[in-house]
Amino acid sequence: MDNTPSPGYRAEHGISFFLESHCLRMLFDTGQSGDVLLDNAKKAGIDFGWLGMIALSHGHYDHTGGLMKALEKSGIVKLLAHEDAFNQKYSLKDGKTKDIGIPFNVKALWHHCDVMLKREPVMICDCIWTTGEIPRVTAFEKPYSGFLEEHKGVMKLDWLLDDQSLVVLADDKLMLVCGCCHSGIVNTIEHVQTLFGRYPETIVGGLHMESADDARICATVEAFKAAGVKKLIPGHCSGKKIGDAAKAAGIEVVPLHAGMVIL
């Protein structure tokens, strides 16, 4: 699931990945609407009845809206998310707030899945891990001022501490799979290096850099080069500038599309 479709697939503002290893089939995020998710899964020949887990990158509707319909097809599975993912989340525009959080509360999911809320990294199987909560270490990847969180009746800036990505080991190389990467992609790859002792060679998914200024784009590409990133597959909220800049720096760039097979 992505904003842009491959021929024969449907698109919407959102993202979802199906991952299959020798020991597990899982979803990472579920897009905005279950209808598009189920249509694309059917087109790809994916049977949700074989799912063992659904993991969420963070608690925004365009990554979680299809969750209930996925669970209706999957039966009881494990649901993995950060502890803050179900907090009340809003966007602020022109002085007005809009609810952009998960459209289900935890109690509504209890009869459909085994909910696991974790801040720390989780080993899902021997080749797939979550990053867990990502430390903010760079000076140029700051929280977006238009995202808010309600805490004890008070609105405050949402640092999106629930943001996490997946790390996949394939052919002895690390791939980073991002939902929106609200933590900042450089913060995220530095966290991967801390956890695994090496950087990912491939980055796929949303980077939330549509409105990034030139200084941040430049700093990000320099970090990619220093880390040895070889391939970028940007989609959803990445914007065009980061892909163009990465390509100009000699990094292979392939735009993400719904229906694309990554490996």
C-alpha atoms as a PDB file:
ATOM      1  CA  MET A   1       0.000   0.000   0.000  1.00  0.00           C
ATOM      2  CA  ASP A   2       1.361   3.405  -0.996  1.00  0.00           C
ATOM      3  CA  ASN A   3       0.232   6.789  -2.308  1.00  0.00           C
ATOM      4  CA  THR A   4       1.236   5.702  -5.833  1.00  0.00           C
ATOM      5  CA  PRO A   5       0.023   2.450  -7.455  1.00  0.00           C
ATOM      6  CA  SER A   6       1.593  -0.069  -9.795  1.00  0.00           C
ATOM      7  CA  PRO A   7      -0.651  -1.024 -12.744  1.00  0.00           C
ATOM      8  CA  GLY A   8      -3.683  -2.944 -11.512  1.00  0.00           C
ATOM      9  CA  TYR A   9      -3.319  -1.793  -7.906  1.00  0.00           C
ATOM     10  CA  ARG A  10      -5.106   0.915  -5.950  1.00  0.00           C
ATOM     11  CA  ALA A  11      -3.479   3.810  -4.087  1.00  0.00           C
ATOM     12  CA  GLU A  12      -4.350   6.048  -1.159  1.00  0.00           C
ATOM     13  CA  HIS A  13      -2.502   8.320   1.237  1.00  0.00           C
ATOM     14  CA  GLY A  14      -0.974   5.711   3.519  1.00  0.00           C
ATOM     15  CA  ILE A  15       1.433   2.812   3.603  1.00  0.00           C
ATOM     16  CA  SER A  16       1.499  -0.909   4.350  1.00  0.00           C
ATOM     17  CA  PHE A  17       4.081  -3.622   3.781  1.00  0.00           C
ATOM     18  CA  PHE A  18       3.645  -7.398   3.654  1.00  0.00           C
ATOM     19  CA  LEU A  19       6.769  -9.242   4.811  1.00  0.00           C
ATOM     20  CA  GLU A  20       7.364 -12.957   4.433  1.00  0.00           C
ATOM     21  CA  SER A  21      10.331 -14.839   5.886  1.00  0.00           C
ATOM     22  CA  HIS A  22      11.059 -18.537   6.418  1.00  0.00           C
ATOM     23  CA  CYS A  23       9.328 -18.351   9.812  1.00  0.00           C
ATOM     24  CA  LEU A  24       6.693 -15.583   9.636  1.00  0.00           C
ATOM     25  CA  ARG A  25       4.235 -13.641   7.490  1.00  0.00           C
ATOM     26  CA  MET A  26       3.359 -10.183   8.795  1.00  0.00           C
ATOM     27  CA  LEU A  27       2.068  -6.703   7.982  1.00  0.00           C
ATOM     28  CA  PHE A  28       3.893  -3.510   8.850  1.00  0.00           C
ATOM     29  CA  ASP A  29       1.175  -0.842   8.979  1.00  0.00           C
ATOM     30  CA  THR A  30      -2.247  -1.211   7.368  1.00  0.00           C
ATOM     31  CA  GLY A  31      -2.805   1.902   5.263  1.00  0.00           C
ATOM     32  CA  GLN A  32      -5.663   4.357   5.686  1.00  0.00           C
ATOM     33  CA  SER A  33      -8.623   2.244   4.593  1.00  0.00           C
ATOM     34  CA  GLY A  34      -9.156  -1.479   4.842  1.00  0.00           C
ATOM     35  CA  ASP A  35     -10.889  -1.560   1.453  1.00  0.00           C
ATOM     36  CA  VAL A  36      -7.788  -0.562  -0.512  1.00  0.00           C
ATOM     37  CA  LEU A  37      -5.590  -2.797   1.649  1.00  0.00           C
ATOM     38  CA  LEU A  38      -7.780  -5.863   1.035  1.00  0.00           C
ATOM     39  CA  ASP A  39      -8.128  -5.162  -2.690  1.00  0.00           C
ATOM     40  CA  ASN A  40      -4.368  -4.893  -3.127  1.00  0.00           C
ATOM     41  CA  ALA A  41      -3.725  -7.994  -1.012  1.00  0.00           C
ATOM     42  CA  LYS A  42      -6.157  -9.967  -3.181  1.00  0.00           C
ATOM     43  CA  LYS A  43      -4.443  -8.682  -6.349  1.00  0.00           C
ATOM     44  CA  ALA A  44      -1.065  -9.785  -4.943  1.00  0.00           C
ATOM     45  CA  GLY A  45      -2.370 -13.195  -3.874  1.00  0.00           C
ATOM     46  CA  ILE A  46      -1.781 -12.528  -0.172  1.00  0.00           C
ATOM     47  CA  ASP A  47      -3.985 -14.482   2.247  1.00  0.00           C
ATOM     48  CA  PHE A  48      -4.244 -12.666   5.590  1.00  0.00           C
ATOM     49  CA  GLY A  49      -5.286 -15.949   7.190  1.00  0.00           C
ATOM     50  CA  TRP A  50      -1.591 -16.861   7.245  1.00  0.00           C
ATOM     51  CA  LEU A  51      -0.508 -13.712   9.099  1.00  0.00           C
ATOM     52  CA  GLY A  52       1.258 -14.189  12.421  1.00  0.00           C
ATOM     53  CA  MET A  53       1.741 -10.534  13.350  1.00  0.00           C
ATOM     54  CA  ILE A  54       0.849  -6.946  12.521  1.00  0.00           C
ATOM     55  CA  ALA A  55       3.340  -4.264  13.623  1.00  0.00           C
ATOM     56  CA  LEU A  56       2.583  -0.534  13.607  1.00  0.00           C
ATOM     57  CA  SER A  57       5.125   2.176  12.830  1.00  0.00           C
ATOM     58  CA  HIS A  58       3.220   4.825  14.827  1.00  0.00           C
ATOM     59  CA  GLY A  59      -0.247   5.931  15.827  1.00  0.00           C
ATOM     60  CA  HIS A  60      -1.498   7.939  12.823  1.00  0.00           C
ATOM     61  CA  TYR A  61      -4.673   7.021  10.922  1.00  0.00           C
ATOM     62  CA  ASP A  62      -3.011   6.651   7.486  1.00  0.00           C
ATOM     63  CA  HIS A  63      -0.919   3.794   8.887  1.00  0.00           C
ATOM     64  CA  THR A  64      -3.562   2.139  11.029  1.00  0.00           C
ATOM     65  CA  GLY A  65      -6.983   2.772   9.460  1.00  0.00           C
ATOM     66  CA  GLY A  66      -7.068  -0.622   7.737  1.00  0.00           C
ATOM     67  CA  LEU A  67      -6.235  -2.495  10.929  1.00  0.00           C
ATOM     68  CA  MET A  68      -9.697  -3.726  11.866  1.00  0.00           C
ATOM     69  CA  LYS A  69     -10.482  -5.054   8.393  1.00  0.00           C
ATOM     70  CA  ALA A  70      -7.098  -6.795   8.270  1.00  0.00           C
ATOM     71  CA  LEU A  71      -7.853  -8.417  11.628  1.00  0.00           C
ATOM     72  CA  GLU A  72     -11.254  -9.572  10.402  1.00  0.00           C
ATOM     73  CA  LYS A  73      -9.438 -11.524   7.671  1.00  0.00           C
ATOM     74  CA  SER A  74      -6.482 -12.706   9.740  1.00  0.00           C
ATOM     75  CA  GLY A  75      -8.092 -14.070  12.868  1.00  0.00           C
ATOM     76  CA  ILE A  76      -6.241 -13.663  16.170  1.00  0.00           C
ATOM     77  CA  VAL A  77      -2.675 -12.399  15.625  1.00  0.00           C
ATOM     78  CA  LYS A  78      -0.085 -10.518  17.655  1.00  0.00           C
ATOM     79  CA  LEU A  79      -0.271  -6.729  17.331  1.00  0.00           C
ATOM     80  CA  LEU A  80       2.989  -4.930  18.127  1.00  0.00           C
ATOM     81  CA  ALA A  81       3.202  -1.172  18.697  1.00  0.00           C
ATOM     82  CA  HIS A  82       4.968   1.400  20.859  1.00  0.00           C
ATOM     83  CA  GLU A  83       3.380   2.231  24.218  1.00  0.00           C
ATOM     84  CA  ASP A  84       2.449   5.756  23.022  1.00  0.00           C
ATOM     85  CA  ALA A  85       0.854   4.691  19.728  1.00  0.00           C
ATOM     86  CA  PHE A  86      -2.702   4.797  21.138  1.00  0.00           C
ATOM     87  CA  ASN A  87      -2.343   8.274  22.668  1.00  0.00           C
ATOM     88  CA  GLN A  88      -4.734  10.928  21.356  1.00  0.00           C
ATOM     89  CA  LYS A  89      -3.015  12.624  18.400  1.00  0.00           C
ATOM     90  CA  TYR A  90      -3.975  15.716  16.415  1.00  0.00           C
ATOM     91  CA  SER A  91      -2.777  17.947  13.598  1.00  0.00           C
ATOM     92  CA  LEU A  92      -2.947  21.734  13.840  1.00  0.00           C
ATOM     93  CA  LYS A  93      -3.710  23.814  10.760  1.00  0.00           C
ATOM     94  CA  ASP A  94      -5.041  27.365  10.546  1.00  0.00           C
ATOM     95  CA  GLY A  95      -5.703  27.327  14.278  1.00  0.00           C
ATOM     96  CA  LYS A  96      -7.928  24.227  14.060  1.00  0.00           C
ATOM     97  CA  THR A  97      -7.139  20.767  15.395  1.00  0.00           C
ATOM     98  CA  LYS A  98      -8.010  17.525  13.621  1.00  0.00           C
ATOM     99  CA  ASP A  99      -7.932  14.034  15.110  1.00  0.00           C
ATOM    100  CA  ILE A 100      -5.302  11.999  13.216  1.00  0.00           C
ATOM    101  CA  GLY A 101      -4.799   9.163  15.689  1.00  0.00           C
ATOM    102  CA  ILE A 102      -5.593   5.455  15.510  1.00  0.00           C
ATOM    103  CA  PRO A 103      -9.356   5.150  14.863  1.00  0.00           C
ATOM    104  CA  PHE A 104      -9.695   2.313  17.405  1.00  0.00           C
ATOM    105  CA  ASN A 105      -8.819   2.171  21.084  1.00  0.00           C
ATOM    106  CA  VAL A 106      -6.954  -0.727  22.654  1.00  0.00           C
ATOM    107  CA  LYS A 107     -10.095  -2.186  24.237  1.00  0.00           C
ATOM    108  CA  ALA A 108     -11.770  -2.453  20.826  1.00  0.00           C
ATOM    109  CA  LEU A 109      -8.898  -4.675  19.675  1.00  0.00           C
ATOM    110  CA  TRP A 110      -8.720  -7.058  22.628  1.00  0.00           C
ATOM    111  CA  HIS A 111     -11.038  -9.625  21.055  1.00  0.00           C
ATOM    112  CA  HIS A 112      -9.206  -9.495  17.710  1.00  0.00           C
ATOM    113  CA  CYS A 113      -5.522  -9.656  18.595  1.00  0.00           C
ATOM    114  CA  ASP A 114      -2.901 -10.104  21.289  1.00  0.00           C
ATOM    115  CA  VAL A 115      -1.736  -6.523  21.886  1.00  0.00           C
ATOM    116  CA  MET A 116       1.929  -5.979  22.791  1.00  0.00           C
ATOM    117  CA  LEU A 117       3.022  -2.416  23.593  1.00  0.00           C
ATOM    118  CA  LYS A 118       6.814  -2.038  23.739  1.00  0.00           C
ATOM    119  CA  ARG A 119       9.206   0.930  23.829  1.00  0.00           C
ATOM    120  CA  GLU A 120      12.307  -1.194  23.330  1.00  0.00           C
ATOM    121  CA  PRO A 121      13.401  -3.036  20.158  1.00  0.00           C
ATOM    122  CA  VAL A 122      11.717  -6.396  19.606  1.00  0.00           C
ATOM    123  CA  MET A 123      13.120  -9.399  17.752  1.00  0.00           C
ATOM    124  CA  ILE A 124      10.120 -10.557  15.729  1.00  0.00           C
ATOM    125  CA  CYS A 125      11.972 -13.488  14.192  1.00  0.00           C
ATOM    126  CA  ASP A 126      15.620 -14.211  13.452  1.00  0.00           C
ATOM    127  CA  CYS A 127      15.696 -11.812  10.484  1.00  0.00           C
ATOM    128  CA  ILE A 128      13.167  -9.079  11.413  1.00  0.00           C
ATOM    129  CA  TRP A 129      13.369  -6.608  14.304  1.00  0.00           C
ATOM    130  CA  THR A 130      11.667  -3.395  15.327  1.00  0.00           C
ATOM    131  CA  THR A 131      13.907  -0.449  16.124  1.00  0.00           C
ATOM    132  CA  GLY A 132      11.831   0.464  19.164  1.00  0.00           C
ATOM    133  CA  GLU A 133      11.862   4.086  20.289  1.00  0.00           C
ATOM    134  CA  ILE A 134      14.492   6.096  18.413  1.00  0.00           C
ATOM    135  CA  PRO A 135      16.756   8.616  20.198  1.00  0.00           C
ATOM    136  CA  ARG A 136      16.733  12.132  18.685  1.00  0.00           C
ATOM    137  CA  VAL A 137      20.417  12.953  18.242  1.00  0.00           C
ATOM    138  CA  THR A 138      20.649  15.200  15.166  1.00  0.00           C
ATOM    139  CA  ALA A 139      20.211  18.963  15.317  1.00  0.00           C
ATOM    140  CA  PHE A 140      18.378  19.215  11.968  1.00  0.00           C
ATOM    141  CA  GLU A 141      15.611  16.628  12.461  1.00  0.00           C
ATOM    142  CA  LYS A 142      13.207  18.449  14.734  1.00  0.00           C
ATOM    143  CA  PRO A 143       9.610  17.523  15.613  1.00  0.00           C
ATOM    144  CA  TYR A 144       6.957  19.013  13.335  1.00  0.00           C
ATOM    145  CA  SER A 145       5.142  21.842  15.099  1.00  0.00           C
ATOM    146  CA  GLY A 146       1.824  20.908  13.507  1.00  0.00           C
ATOM    147  CA  PHE A 147       1.541  17.584  15.351  1.00  0.00           C
ATOM    148  CA  LEU A 148      -0.027  17.681  18.799  1.00  0.00           C
ATOM    149  CA  GLU A 149      -0.785  15.160  21.520  1.00  0.00           C
ATOM    150  CA  GLU A 150      -3.340  15.449  24.294  1.00  0.00           C
ATOM    151  CA  HIS A 151      -2.002  14.571  27.728  1.00  0.00           C
ATOM    152  CA  LYS A 152      -4.205  14.836  30.828  1.00  0.00           C
ATOM    153  CA  GLY A 153      -6.458  17.297  29.026  1.00  0.00           C
ATOM    154  CA  VAL A 154      -3.578  19.509  27.853  1.00  0.00           C
ATOM    155  CA  MET A 155      -2.417  19.828  24.246  1.00  0.00           C
ATOM    156  CA  LYS A 156       1.334  19.641  23.782  1.00  0.00           C
ATOM    157  CA  LEU A 157       3.799  19.178  20.939  1.00  0.00           C
ATOM    158  CA  ASP A 158       3.856  15.543  19.845  1.00  0.00           C
ATOM    159  CA  TRP A 159       7.439  14.315  19.586  1.00  0.00           C
ATOM    160  CA  LEU A 160       6.055  11.090  18.120  1.00  0.00           C
ATOM    161  CA  LEU A 161       8.132   8.917  20.381  1.00  0.00           C
ATOM    162  CA  ASP A 162       5.997   6.015  19.144  1.00  0.00           C
ATOM    163  CA  ASP A 163       7.654   6.213  15.724  1.00  0.00           C
ATOM    164  CA  GLN A 164       9.612   3.051  14.900  1.00  0.00           C
ATOM    165  CA  SER A 165      10.840   1.179  11.831  1.00  0.00           C
ATOM    166  CA  LEU A 166      11.644  -2.411  10.910  1.00  0.00           C
ATOM    167  CA  VAL A 167      15.117  -3.818  10.281  1.00  0.00           C
ATOM    168  CA  VAL A 168      15.232  -6.796   7.917  1.00  0.00           C
ATOM    169  CA  LEU A 169      18.249  -9.039   7.354  1.00  0.00           C
ATOM    170  CA  ALA A 170      18.344 -10.340   3.768  1.00  0.00           C
ATOM    171  CA  ASP A 171      21.395 -11.881   2.067  1.00  0.00           C
ATOM    172  CA  ASP A 172      23.514 -10.712   5.023  1.00  0.00           C
ATOM    173  CA  LYS A 173      22.541  -7.094   4.331  1.00  0.00           C
ATOM    174  CA  LEU A 174      20.330  -4.841   6.425  1.00  0.00           C
ATOM    175  CA  MET A 175      17.220  -3.203   4.976  1.00  0.00           C
ATOM    176  CA  LEU A 176      15.397  -0.479   6.891  1.00  0.00           C
ATOM    177  CA  VAL A 177      11.620  -0.382   6.349  1.00  0.00           C
ATOM    178  CA  CYS A 178      10.053   2.925   7.458  1.00  0.00           C
ATOM    179  CA  GLY A 179       6.446   3.926   7.968  1.00  0.00           C
ATOM    180  CA  CYS A 180       6.843   7.723   8.169  1.00  0.00           C
ATOM    181  CA  CYS A 181      10.169   8.065   9.972  1.00  0.00           C
ATOM    182  CA  HIS A 182       8.934  10.958  12.106  1.00  0.00           C
ATOM    183  CA  SER A 183      12.021  10.401  14.289  1.00  0.00           C
ATOM    184  CA  GLY A 184      14.191  11.512  11.358  1.00  0.00           C
ATOM    185  CA  ILE A 185      15.841   9.110   8.936  1.00  0.00           C
ATOM    186  CA  VAL A 186      19.362  10.010  10.099  1.00  0.00           C
ATOM    187  CA  ASN A 187      18.397   9.508  13.747  1.00  0.00           C
ATOM    188  CA  THR A 188      16.942   6.175  12.674  1.00  0.00           C
ATOM    189  CA  ILE A 189      19.962   4.846  10.781  1.00  0.00           C
ATOM    190  CA  GLU A 190      22.246   5.956  13.626  1.00  0.00           C
ATOM    191  CA  HIS A 191      20.035   3.950  15.995  1.00  0.00           C
ATOM    192  CA  VAL A 192      20.287   0.939  13.670  1.00  0.00           C
ATOM    193  CA  GLN A 193      24.074   1.243  13.722  1.00  0.00           C
ATOM    194  CA  THR A 194      24.013   1.334  17.527  1.00  0.00           C
ATOM    195  CA  LEU A 195      21.800  -1.765  17.701  1.00  0.00           C
ATOM    196  CA  PHE A 196      23.459  -3.865  15.008  1.00  0.00           C
ATOM    197  CA  GLY A 197      26.962  -2.451  14.601  1.00  0.00           C
ATOM    198  CA  ARG A 198      26.308  -1.491  10.980  1.00  0.00           C
ATOM    199  CA  TYR A 199      24.103   0.707   8.852  1.00  0.00           C
ATOM    200  CA  PRO A 200      21.323  -0.420   6.500  1.00  0.00           C
ATOM    201  CA  GLU A 201      22.325  -0.622   2.853  1.00  0.00           C
ATOM    202  CA  THR A 202      18.746  -0.189   1.633  1.00  0.00           C
ATOM    203  CA  ILE A 203      16.069   2.183   2.949  1.00  0.00           C
ATOM    204  CA  VAL A 204      12.440   1.788   1.889  1.00  0.00           C
ATOM    205  CA  GLY A 205       9.249   3.605   2.857  1.00  0.00           C
ATOM    206  CA  GLY A 206       8.106   7.012   4.043  1.00  0.00           C
ATOM    207  CA  LEU A 207      10.704   9.570   5.155  1.00  0.00           C
ATOM    208  CA  HIS A 208       8.393  12.526   5.967  1.00  0.00           C
ATOM    209  CA  MET A 209      10.557  14.994   4.054  1.00  0.00           C
ATOM    210  CA  GLU A 210       7.996  16.596   1.727  1.00  0.00           C
ATOM    211  CA  SER A 211       8.551  19.984   3.361  1.00  0.00           C
ATOM    212  CA  ALA A 212      12.228  19.526   4.287  1.00  0.00           C
ATOM    213  CA  ASP A 213      14.417  22.540   3.483  1.00  0.00           C
ATOM    214  CA  ASP A 214      17.572  22.341   1.373  1.00  0.00           C
ATOM    215  CA  ALA A 215      19.857  22.270   4.416  1.00  0.00           C
ATOM    216  CA  ARG A 216      18.128  19.192   5.823  1.00  0.00           C
ATOM    217  CA  ILE A 217      18.076  17.475   2.424  1.00  0.00           C
ATOM    218  CA  CYS A 218      21.819  18.091   2.041  1.00  0.00           C
ATOM    219  CA  ALA A 219      22.629  16.924   5.577  1.00  0.00           C
ATOM    220  CA  THR A 220      20.543  13.780   5.079  1.00  0.00           C
ATOM    221  CA  VAL A 221      22.228  12.820   1.820  1.00  0.00           C
ATOM    222  CA  GLU A 222      25.664  13.406   3.354  1.00  0.00           C
ATOM    223  CA  ALA A 223      24.669  11.081   6.206  1.00  0.00           C
ATOM    224  CA  PHE A 224      23.514   8.452   3.683  1.00  0.00           C
ATOM    225  CA  LYS A 225      26.856   8.618   1.896  1.00  0.00           C
ATOM    226  CA  ALA A 226      28.835   8.396   5.146  1.00  0.00           C
ATOM    227  CA  ALA A 227      26.739   5.405   6.243  1.00  0.00           C
ATOM    228  CA  GLY A 228      27.199   3.573   2.947  1.00  0.00           C
ATOM    229  CA  VAL A 229      23.521   3.559   1.952  1.00  0.00           C
ATOM    230  CA  LYS A 230      23.355   2.028  -1.519  1.00  0.00           C
ATOM    231  CA  LYS A 231      19.649   2.100  -2.398  1.00  0.00           C
ATOM    232  CA  LEU A 232      16.673   4.293  -1.517  1.00  0.00           C
ATOM    233  CA  ILE A 233      13.051   3.330  -2.252  1.00  0.00           C
ATOM    234  CA  PRO A 234      11.095   6.395  -1.069  1.00  0.00           C
ATOM    235  CA  GLY A 235       7.315   6.610  -0.971  1.00  0.00           C
ATOM    236  CA  HIS A 236       4.257   7.935   0.868  1.00  0.00           C
ATOM    237  CA  CYS A 237       5.415  11.129   2.662  1.00  0.00           C
ATOM    238  CA  SER A 238       9.010  11.277   1.390  1.00  0.00           C
ATOM    239  CA  GLY A 239       8.636  14.029  -1.178  1.00  0.00           C
ATOM    240  CA  LYS A 240      10.546  14.273  -4.453  1.00  0.00           C
ATOM    241  CA  LYS A 241      13.515  16.361  -3.313  1.00  0.00           C
ATOM    242  CA  ILE A 242      15.187  13.701  -1.170  1.00  0.00           C
ATOM    243  CA  GLY A 243      15.052  11.138  -3.974  1.00  0.00           C
ATOM    244  CA  ASP A 244      16.460  13.586  -6.522  1.00  0.00           C
ATOM    245  CA  ALA A 245      19.266  14.625  -4.173  1.00  0.00           C
ATOM    246  CA  ALA A 246      20.160  11.043  -3.286  1.00  0.00           C
ATOM    247  CA  LYS A 247      20.237  10.072  -6.965  1.00  0.00           C
ATOM    248  CA  ALA A 248      22.502  13.031  -7.765  1.00  0.00           C
ATOM    249  CA  ALA A 249      24.854  11.797  -5.036  1.00  0.00           C
ATOM    250  CA  GLY A 250      25.183   8.380  -6.706  1.00  0.00           C
ATOM    251  CA  ILE A 251      22.662   6.461  -4.598  1.00  0.00           C
ATOM    252  CA  GLU A 252      20.289   4.170  -6.496  1.00  0.00           C
ATOM    253  CA  VAL A 253      16.748   5.525  -6.168  1.00  0.00           C
ATOM    254  CA  VAL A 254      13.593   3.575  -7.093  1.00  0.00           C
ATOM    255  CA  PRO A 255      10.228   5.206  -6.263  1.00  0.00           C
ATOM    256  CA  LEU A 256       7.901   3.075  -4.131  1.00  0.00           C
ATOM    257  CA  HIS A 257       4.576   1.906  -5.593  1.00  0.00           C
ATOM    258  CA  ALA A 258       1.707  -0.136  -4.224  1.00  0.00           C
ATOM    259  CA  GLY A 259       2.123  -3.674  -5.537  1.00  0.00           C
ATOM    260  CA  MET A 260       5.913  -3.469  -5.790  1.00  0.00           C
ATOM    261  CA  VAL A 261       7.979  -6.519  -4.808  1.00  0.00           C
ATOM    262  CA  ILE A 262      11.052  -5.253  -2.936  1.00  0.00           C
ATOM    263  CA  LEU A 263      13.090  -8.471  -2.753  1.00  0.00           C
END
